[in-house]
């Protein structure tokens, strides 16, 4: 097992950030991390991929140590703000859900880091973090035996607890939505099937407008960046 030192993690964060900002190429950053810190090339590449995934709130599939995740989360909060930190936390929870769904063990240390970091967010967690955290809990429960799950269910309080979350909402252009729906003419632009039902308000075909590059990831609120989808295709793009 390769042990990655705190100094290597710190150097990886700096160069992964530079790669994300376009200041250096991934290959040069990988080479520098290897030559200057002794970090093996595979781990260097992993850190670069993980940093980009964190800022985009996307799942990453290569393992990250609890110490590495803790440092990256804290430095992202300090250098890029709470919105970026929320995205990074979403990515960590998605990684936990992915790894534990493989039934190769539980990431207890990484879970502890993610849970502890929630308390450090000055503006609280986003709805996306709450959803990702819950998905990770479901993934873990599904790997348990039915007996263990039933035992917990018998002791569980059926009245759900509440949690306060913060939500950032983009002020979208209504003309973009109207133009995309008009272009689709009631047909999903992905599976090319008719809308599954009509809206109760006006009888128009029910389709959802999806941004190809999400607004949270820097995508434009434009007709060119949007597509009309049936609910099934929309969910598949987000969760499939």
C-alpha atoms as a PDB file:
ATOM      1  CA  UNK A   1       0.000   0.000   0.000  1.00  0.00           C
ATOM      2  CA  UNK A   2       1.392   3.395  -1.041  1.00  0.00           C
ATOM      3  CA  UNK A   3       1.513   5.931   1.798  1.00  0.00           C
ATOM      4  CA  UNK A   4       1.022   9.505   0.594  1.00  0.00           C
ATOM      5  CA  UNK A   5       2.534  12.162   2.822  1.00  0.00           C
ATOM      6  CA  UNK A   6       0.897  15.470   3.843  1.00  0.00           C
ATOM      7  CA  UNK A   7       3.532  17.335   1.834  1.00  0.00           C
ATOM      8  CA  UNK A   8       2.628  15.361  -1.296  1.00  0.00           C
ATOM      9  CA  UNK A   9      -1.093  16.041  -0.735  1.00  0.00           C
ATOM     10  CA  UNK A  10      -0.429  19.766  -0.373  1.00  0.00           C
ATOM     11  CA  UNK A  11       1.667  19.868  -3.540  1.00  0.00           C
ATOM     12  CA  UNK A  12      -0.981  17.852  -5.390  1.00  0.00           C
ATOM     13  CA  UNK A  13      -3.663  20.348  -4.422  1.00  0.00           C
ATOM     14  CA  UNK A  14      -1.648  23.298  -5.737  1.00  0.00           C
ATOM     15  CA  UNK A  15      -0.886  21.678  -9.076  1.00  0.00           C
ATOM     16  CA  UNK A  16      -4.363  20.163  -9.499  1.00  0.00           C
ATOM     17  CA  UNK A  17      -5.766  23.655  -8.940  1.00  0.00           C
ATOM     18  CA  UNK A  18      -3.379  25.053 -11.556  1.00  0.00           C
ATOM     19  CA  UNK A  19      -4.472  22.380 -14.034  1.00  0.00           C
ATOM     20  CA  UNK A  20      -8.127  23.247 -13.430  1.00  0.00           C
ATOM     21  CA  UNK A  21      -7.400  26.941 -13.978  1.00  0.00           C
ATOM     22  CA  UNK A  22      -5.522  26.229 -17.207  1.00  0.00           C
ATOM     23  CA  UNK A  23      -2.142  27.349 -15.889  1.00  0.00           C
ATOM     24  CA  UNK A  24      -0.456  24.015 -16.568  1.00  0.00           C
ATOM     25  CA  UNK A  25      -1.284  20.857 -18.492  1.00  0.00           C
ATOM     26  CA  UNK A  26      -2.154  17.603 -16.690  1.00  0.00           C
ATOM     27  CA  UNK A  27       0.922  15.870 -18.102  1.00  0.00           C
ATOM     28  CA  UNK A  28       3.300  18.590 -16.898  1.00  0.00           C
ATOM     29  CA  UNK A  29       1.630  18.686 -13.475  1.00  0.00           C
ATOM     30  CA  UNK A  30       1.925  14.909 -13.182  1.00  0.00           C
ATOM     31  CA  UNK A  31       5.583  15.024 -14.106  1.00  0.00           C
ATOM     32  CA  UNK A  32       6.319  17.809 -11.614  1.00  0.00           C
ATOM     33  CA  UNK A  33       4.542  16.020  -8.780  1.00  0.00           C
ATOM     34  CA  UNK A  34       6.508  12.867  -9.498  1.00  0.00           C
ATOM     35  CA  UNK A  35       9.893  14.544  -9.846  1.00  0.00           C
ATOM     36  CA  UNK A  36       9.550  17.176  -7.110  1.00  0.00           C
ATOM     37  CA  UNK A  37       7.726  15.205  -4.395  1.00  0.00           C
ATOM     38  CA  UNK A  38       8.266  11.544  -5.268  1.00  0.00           C
ATOM     39  CA  UNK A  39       4.533  10.963  -5.704  1.00  0.00           C
ATOM     40  CA  UNK A  40       3.974   8.140  -8.177  1.00  0.00           C
ATOM     41  CA  UNK A  41       2.453   9.150 -11.492  1.00  0.00           C
ATOM     42  CA  UNK A  42      -0.762   7.206 -10.992  1.00  0.00           C
ATOM     43  CA  UNK A  43      -1.525   8.932  -7.684  1.00  0.00           C
ATOM     44  CA  UNK A  44      -0.632  12.309  -9.185  1.00  0.00           C
ATOM     45  CA  UNK A  45      -3.088  11.764 -12.028  1.00  0.00           C
ATOM     46  CA  UNK A  46      -5.752  10.640  -9.541  1.00  0.00           C
ATOM     47  CA  UNK A  47      -5.460  13.857  -7.535  1.00  0.00           C
ATOM     48  CA  UNK A  48      -5.851  15.963 -10.672  1.00  0.00           C
ATOM     49  CA  UNK A  49      -8.969  14.044 -11.743  1.00  0.00           C
ATOM     50  CA  UNK A  50     -10.400  14.138  -8.218  1.00  0.00           C
ATOM     51  CA  UNK A  51      -9.941  17.905  -7.928  1.00  0.00           C
ATOM     52  CA  UNK A  52     -11.825  18.524 -11.158  1.00  0.00           C
ATOM     53  CA  UNK A  53     -14.583  16.142 -10.078  1.00  0.00           C
ATOM     54  CA  UNK A  54     -14.850  17.883  -6.725  1.00  0.00           C
ATOM     55  CA  UNK A  55     -15.324  21.324  -8.233  1.00  0.00           C
ATOM     56  CA  UNK A  56     -17.949  19.901 -10.573  1.00  0.00           C
ATOM     57  CA  UNK A  57     -19.747  17.898  -7.890  1.00  0.00           C
ATOM     58  CA  UNK A  58     -19.193  14.725  -9.919  1.00  0.00           C
ATOM     59  CA  UNK A  59     -18.375  11.181  -8.838  1.00  0.00           C
ATOM     60  CA  UNK A  60     -14.755  10.042  -8.958  1.00  0.00           C
ATOM     61  CA  UNK A  61     -13.945   6.350  -8.859  1.00  0.00           C
ATOM     62  CA  UNK A  62     -10.306   6.136  -7.804  1.00  0.00           C
ATOM     63  CA  UNK A  63      -9.747   5.970  -4.048  1.00  0.00           C
ATOM     64  CA  UNK A  64      -8.721   9.004  -2.020  1.00  0.00           C
ATOM     65  CA  UNK A  65      -7.384   8.848   1.515  1.00  0.00           C
ATOM     66  CA  UNK A  66      -9.315  10.420   4.358  1.00  0.00           C
ATOM     67  CA  UNK A  67      -6.412  12.813   4.915  1.00  0.00           C
ATOM     68  CA  UNK A  68      -6.314  13.783   1.260  1.00  0.00           C
ATOM     69  CA  UNK A  69     -10.055  14.408   1.141  1.00  0.00           C
ATOM     70  CA  UNK A  70      -9.957  16.436   4.340  1.00  0.00           C
ATOM     71  CA  UNK A  71      -7.161  18.667   3.032  1.00  0.00           C
ATOM     72  CA  UNK A  72      -8.767  19.135  -0.380  1.00  0.00           C
ATOM     73  CA  UNK A  73     -12.168  19.992   1.123  1.00  0.00           C
ATOM     74  CA  UNK A  74     -10.718  22.546   3.519  1.00  0.00           C
ATOM     75  CA  UNK A  75      -8.480  24.198   0.914  1.00  0.00           C
ATOM     76  CA  UNK A  76     -11.316  24.350  -1.622  1.00  0.00           C
ATOM     77  CA  UNK A  77     -13.456  26.123   0.998  1.00  0.00           C
ATOM     78  CA  UNK A  78     -10.655  28.575   1.799  1.00  0.00           C
ATOM     79  CA  UNK A  79      -9.612  29.296  -1.779  1.00  0.00           C
ATOM     80  CA  UNK A  80     -12.848  28.997  -3.755  1.00  0.00           C
ATOM     81  CA  UNK A  81     -15.687  29.581  -1.298  1.00  0.00           C
ATOM     82  CA  UNK A  82     -18.646  27.716   0.133  1.00  0.00           C
ATOM     83  CA  UNK A  83     -20.367  26.964  -3.191  1.00  0.00           C
ATOM     84  CA  UNK A  84     -17.284  25.153  -4.457  1.00  0.00           C
ATOM     85  CA  UNK A  85     -16.911  23.408  -1.090  1.00  0.00           C
ATOM     86  CA  UNK A  86     -20.503  22.156  -1.303  1.00  0.00           C
ATOM     87  CA  UNK A  87     -19.783  20.770  -4.782  1.00  0.00           C
ATOM     88  CA  UNK A  88     -16.663  19.063  -3.438  1.00  0.00           C
ATOM     89  CA  UNK A  89     -18.638  17.513  -0.602  1.00  0.00           C
ATOM     90  CA  UNK A  90     -21.223  16.222  -3.081  1.00  0.00           C
ATOM     91  CA  UNK A  91     -18.404  14.553  -5.039  1.00  0.00           C
ATOM     92  CA  UNK A  92     -17.022  12.896  -1.900  1.00  0.00           C
ATOM     93  CA  UNK A  93     -20.426  11.498  -0.929  1.00  0.00           C
ATOM     94  CA  UNK A  94     -20.933  10.249  -4.495  1.00  0.00           C
ATOM     95  CA  UNK A  95     -17.547   8.510  -4.305  1.00  0.00           C
ATOM     96  CA  UNK A  96     -18.543   6.866  -1.023  1.00  0.00           C
ATOM     97  CA  UNK A  97     -21.817   5.667  -2.544  1.00  0.00           C
ATOM     98  CA  UNK A  98     -19.992   4.332  -5.623  1.00  0.00           C
ATOM     99  CA  UNK A  99     -17.304   2.508  -3.645  1.00  0.00           C
ATOM    100  CA  UNK A 100     -19.637   0.958  -1.092  1.00  0.00           C
ATOM    101  CA  UNK A 101     -22.063  -0.156  -3.810  1.00  0.00           C
ATOM    102  CA  UNK A 102     -19.236  -2.383  -5.084  1.00  0.00           C
ATOM    103  CA  UNK A 103     -19.431  -4.272  -1.760  1.00  0.00           C
ATOM    104  CA  UNK A 104     -15.684  -4.014  -1.219  1.00  0.00           C
ATOM    105  CA  UNK A 105     -15.956  -2.584   2.290  1.00  0.00           C
ATOM    106  CA  UNK A 106     -17.038   0.562   4.107  1.00  0.00           C
ATOM    107  CA  UNK A 107     -15.255   3.911   3.926  1.00  0.00           C
ATOM    108  CA  UNK A 108     -15.730   4.766   7.591  1.00  0.00           C
ATOM    109  CA  UNK A 109     -12.812   7.215   7.832  1.00  0.00           C
ATOM    110  CA  UNK A 110     -13.884   9.058   4.689  1.00  0.00           C
ATOM    111  CA  UNK A 111     -17.474   9.180   5.975  1.00  0.00           C
ATOM    112  CA  UNK A 112     -16.212  10.729   9.205  1.00  0.00           C
ATOM    113  CA  UNK A 113     -14.305  13.381   7.238  1.00  0.00           C
ATOM    114  CA  UNK A 114     -17.374  14.212   5.145  1.00  0.00           C
ATOM    115  CA  UNK A 115     -19.646  14.385   8.186  1.00  0.00           C
ATOM    116  CA  UNK A 116     -17.199  16.548  10.143  1.00  0.00           C
ATOM    117  CA  UNK A 117     -16.774  18.926   7.201  1.00  0.00           C
ATOM    118  CA  UNK A 118     -20.514  19.585   7.093  1.00  0.00           C
ATOM    119  CA  UNK A 119     -20.190  21.384  10.423  1.00  0.00           C
ATOM    120  CA  UNK A 120     -17.390  23.553   9.004  1.00  0.00           C
ATOM    121  CA  UNK A 121     -19.472  25.028   6.182  1.00  0.00           C
ATOM    122  CA  UNK A 122     -20.344  28.614   7.217  1.00  0.00           C
ATOM    123  CA  UNK A 123     -23.573  28.760   5.216  1.00  0.00           C
ATOM    124  CA  UNK A 124     -24.728  25.189   5.869  1.00  0.00           C
ATOM    125  CA  UNK A 125     -25.044  22.353   3.382  1.00  0.00           C
ATOM    126  CA  UNK A 126     -26.803  22.547   0.057  1.00  0.00           C
ATOM    127  CA  UNK A 127     -29.742  20.395  -0.992  1.00  0.00           C
ATOM    128  CA  UNK A 128     -27.354  18.592  -3.358  1.00  0.00           C
ATOM    129  CA  UNK A 129     -25.107  17.610  -0.425  1.00  0.00           C
ATOM    130  CA  UNK A 130     -28.097  16.334   1.537  1.00  0.00           C
ATOM    131  CA  UNK A 131     -29.246  14.251  -1.437  1.00  0.00           C
ATOM    132  CA  UNK A 132     -25.751  12.836  -2.046  1.00  0.00           C
ATOM    133  CA  UNK A 133     -25.324  11.993   1.635  1.00  0.00           C
ATOM    134  CA  UNK A 134     -28.669  10.169   1.636  1.00  0.00           C
ATOM    135  CA  UNK A 135     -27.776   8.270  -1.547  1.00  0.00           C
ATOM    136  CA  UNK A 136     -24.576   7.101   0.142  1.00  0.00           C
ATOM    137  CA  UNK A 137     -26.600   5.907   3.131  1.00  0.00           C
ATOM    138  CA  UNK A 138     -28.919   3.966   0.824  1.00  0.00           C
ATOM    139  CA  UNK A 139     -25.940   2.423  -0.990  1.00  0.00           C
ATOM    140  CA  UNK A 140     -24.498   1.270   2.314  1.00  0.00           C
ATOM    141  CA  UNK A 141     -27.821  -0.135   3.529  1.00  0.00           C
ATOM    142  CA  UNK A 142     -28.271  -2.122   0.325  1.00  0.00           C
ATOM    143  CA  UNK A 143     -24.968  -3.938   0.949  1.00  0.00           C
ATOM    144  CA  UNK A 144     -26.098  -5.021   4.430  1.00  0.00           C
ATOM    145  CA  UNK A 145     -27.840  -8.307   5.073  1.00  0.00           C
ATOM    146  CA  UNK A 146     -31.656  -8.243   5.228  1.00  0.00           C
ATOM    147  CA  UNK A 147     -31.361  -9.334   8.878  1.00  0.00           C
ATOM    148  CA  UNK A 148     -29.191  -6.358   9.821  1.00  0.00           C
ATOM    149  CA  UNK A 149     -31.478  -3.990   7.959  1.00  0.00           C
ATOM    150  CA  UNK A 150     -34.608  -5.429   9.590  1.00  0.00           C
ATOM    151  CA  UNK A 151     -33.011  -5.106  13.015  1.00  0.00           C
ATOM    152  CA  UNK A 152     -32.433  -1.394  12.468  1.00  0.00           C
ATOM    153  CA  UNK A 153     -35.906  -0.901  11.043  1.00  0.00           C
ATOM    154  CA  UNK A 154     -37.497  -2.357  14.174  1.00  0.00           C
ATOM    155  CA  UNK A 155     -35.688   0.240  16.300  1.00  0.00           C
ATOM    156  CA  UNK A 156     -36.115   3.155  13.898  1.00  0.00           C
ATOM    157  CA  UNK A 157     -38.342   6.130  14.676  1.00  0.00           C
ATOM    158  CA  UNK A 158     -40.932   6.316  11.864  1.00  0.00           C
ATOM    159  CA  UNK A 159     -41.200  10.084  12.301  1.00  0.00           C
ATOM    160  CA  UNK A 160     -38.466  11.614  10.093  1.00  0.00           C
ATOM    161  CA  UNK A 161     -36.083  14.227  11.453  1.00  0.00           C
ATOM    162  CA  UNK A 162     -35.758  17.597   9.736  1.00  0.00           C
ATOM    163  CA  UNK A 163     -32.623  19.220   8.386  1.00  0.00           C
ATOM    164  CA  UNK A 164     -32.044  22.811   7.303  1.00  0.00           C
ATOM    165  CA  UNK A 165     -30.331  23.159   3.935  1.00  0.00           C
ATOM    166  CA  UNK A 166     -29.418  26.119   1.770  1.00  0.00           C
ATOM    167  CA  UNK A 167     -30.342  26.352  -1.883  1.00  0.00           C
ATOM    168  CA  UNK A 168     -28.766  28.489  -4.576  1.00  0.00           C
ATOM    169  CA  UNK A 169     -31.175  29.167  -7.433  1.00  0.00           C
ATOM    170  CA  UNK A 170     -30.193  30.485 -10.867  1.00  0.00           C
ATOM    171  CA  UNK A 171     -32.477  33.094 -12.388  1.00  0.00           C
ATOM    172  CA  UNK A 172     -33.132  31.296 -15.647  1.00  0.00           C
ATOM    173  CA  UNK A 173     -34.252  32.920 -18.874  1.00  0.00           C
ATOM    174  CA  UNK A 174     -37.885  31.979 -19.544  1.00  0.00           C
ATOM    175  CA  UNK A 175     -37.398  32.623 -23.260  1.00  0.00           C
ATOM    176  CA  UNK A 176     -34.778  29.867 -23.409  1.00  0.00           C
ATOM    177  CA  UNK A 177     -37.212  27.343 -21.911  1.00  0.00           C
ATOM    178  CA  UNK A 178     -40.050  28.452 -24.202  1.00  0.00           C
ATOM    179  CA  UNK A 179     -37.847  28.327 -27.316  1.00  0.00           C
ATOM    180  CA  UNK A 180     -36.504  24.850 -26.508  1.00  0.00           C
ATOM    181  CA  UNK A 181     -40.000  23.485 -25.839  1.00  0.00           C
ATOM    182  CA  UNK A 182     -41.210  25.006 -29.107  1.00  0.00           C
ATOM    183  CA  UNK A 183     -38.295  23.401 -30.954  1.00  0.00           C
ATOM    184  CA  UNK A 184     -39.079  19.984 -29.461  1.00  0.00           C
ATOM    185  CA  UNK A 185     -42.752  20.105 -30.476  1.00  0.00           C
ATOM    186  CA  UNK A 186     -43.770  17.658 -27.756  1.00  0.00           C
ATOM    187  CA  UNK A 187     -41.066  15.076 -28.505  1.00  0.00           C
ATOM    188  CA  UNK A 188     -38.149  14.212 -26.227  1.00  0.00           C
ATOM    189  CA  UNK A 189     -34.982  15.346 -27.980  1.00  0.00           C
ATOM    190  CA  UNK A 190     -33.036  12.396 -26.584  1.00  0.00           C
ATOM    191  CA  UNK A 191     -35.165   9.261 -26.926  1.00  0.00           C
ATOM    192  CA  UNK A 192     -37.388  10.859 -29.604  1.00  0.00           C
ATOM    193  CA  UNK A 193     -40.573   9.584 -27.945  1.00  0.00           C
ATOM    194  CA  UNK A 194     -43.673  11.731 -27.368  1.00  0.00           C
ATOM    195  CA  UNK A 195     -44.037  13.481 -24.014  1.00  0.00           C
ATOM    196  CA  UNK A 196     -45.493  10.973 -21.505  1.00  0.00           C
ATOM    197  CA  UNK A 197     -48.446  13.154 -20.490  1.00  0.00           C
ATOM    198  CA  UNK A 198     -49.955  16.616 -20.831  1.00  0.00           C
ATOM    199  CA  UNK A 199     -49.685  19.403 -18.277  1.00  0.00           C
ATOM    200  CA  UNK A 200     -52.812  19.852 -16.174  1.00  0.00           C
ATOM    201  CA  UNK A 201     -52.445  23.636 -16.391  1.00  0.00           C
ATOM    202  CA  UNK A 202     -52.654  24.133 -20.143  1.00  0.00           C
ATOM    203  CA  UNK A 203     -52.700  20.703 -21.801  1.00  0.00           C
ATOM    204  CA  UNK A 204     -49.246  21.164 -23.358  1.00  0.00           C
ATOM    205  CA  UNK A 205     -46.899  18.144 -23.659  1.00  0.00           C
ATOM    206  CA  UNK A 206     -44.858  17.694 -20.468  1.00  0.00           C
ATOM    207  CA  UNK A 207     -41.119  17.909 -21.163  1.00  0.00           C
ATOM    208  CA  UNK A 208     -38.309  19.208 -18.946  1.00  0.00           C
ATOM    209  CA  UNK A 209     -35.580  21.554 -20.175  1.00  0.00           C
ATOM    210  CA  UNK A 210     -32.083  20.344 -19.308  1.00  0.00           C
ATOM    211  CA  UNK A 211     -28.802  22.233 -19.756  1.00  0.00           C
ATOM    212  CA  UNK A 212     -26.203  20.111 -21.532  1.00  0.00           C
ATOM    213  CA  UNK A 213     -23.480  21.780 -19.450  1.00  0.00           C
ATOM    214  CA  UNK A 214     -25.056  22.521 -16.092  1.00  0.00           C
ATOM    215  CA  UNK A 215     -25.331  26.126 -14.973  1.00  0.00           C
ATOM    216  CA  UNK A 216     -23.581  25.207 -11.724  1.00  0.00           C
ATOM    217  CA  UNK A 217     -20.616  24.037 -13.817  1.00  0.00           C
ATOM    218  CA  UNK A 218     -20.390  27.248 -15.845  1.00  0.00           C
ATOM    219  CA  UNK A 219     -22.821  26.346 -18.611  1.00  0.00           C
ATOM    220  CA  UNK A 220     -24.675  29.088 -20.479  1.00  0.00           C
ATOM    221  CA  UNK A 221     -28.406  29.649 -20.125  1.00  0.00           C
ATOM    222  CA  UNK A 222     -28.902  29.516 -23.879  1.00  0.00           C
ATOM    223  CA  UNK A 223     -31.006  27.642 -26.424  1.00  0.00           C
ATOM    224  CA  UNK A 224     -27.859  26.024 -27.842  1.00  0.00           C
ATOM    225  CA  UNK A 225     -26.946  24.623 -24.405  1.00  0.00           C
ATOM    226  CA  UNK A 226     -30.435  23.305 -23.633  1.00  0.00           C
ATOM    227  CA  UNK A 227     -32.458  20.280 -24.633  1.00  0.00           C
ATOM    228  CA  UNK A 228     -36.063  19.194 -24.015  1.00  0.00           C
ATOM    229  CA  UNK A 229     -36.330  15.813 -22.289  1.00  0.00           C
ATOM    230  CA  UNK A 230     -38.966  13.442 -21.011  1.00  0.00           C
ATOM    231  CA  UNK A 231     -38.723  12.888 -17.225  1.00  0.00           C
ATOM    232  CA  UNK A 232     -37.117   9.468 -17.690  1.00  0.00           C
ATOM    233  CA  UNK A 233     -34.301  10.731 -19.916  1.00  0.00           C
ATOM    234  CA  UNK A 234     -33.795  13.729 -17.650  1.00  0.00           C
ATOM    235  CA  UNK A 235     -33.340  11.519 -14.589  1.00  0.00           C
ATOM    236  CA  UNK A 236     -31.034   9.177 -16.505  1.00  0.00           C
ATOM    237  CA  UNK A 237     -28.710  12.037 -17.436  1.00  0.00           C
ATOM    238  CA  UNK A 238     -28.493  13.158 -13.817  1.00  0.00           C
ATOM    239  CA  UNK A 239     -28.399   9.778 -12.093  1.00  0.00           C
ATOM    240  CA  UNK A 240     -27.749   7.079 -14.675  1.00  0.00           C
END
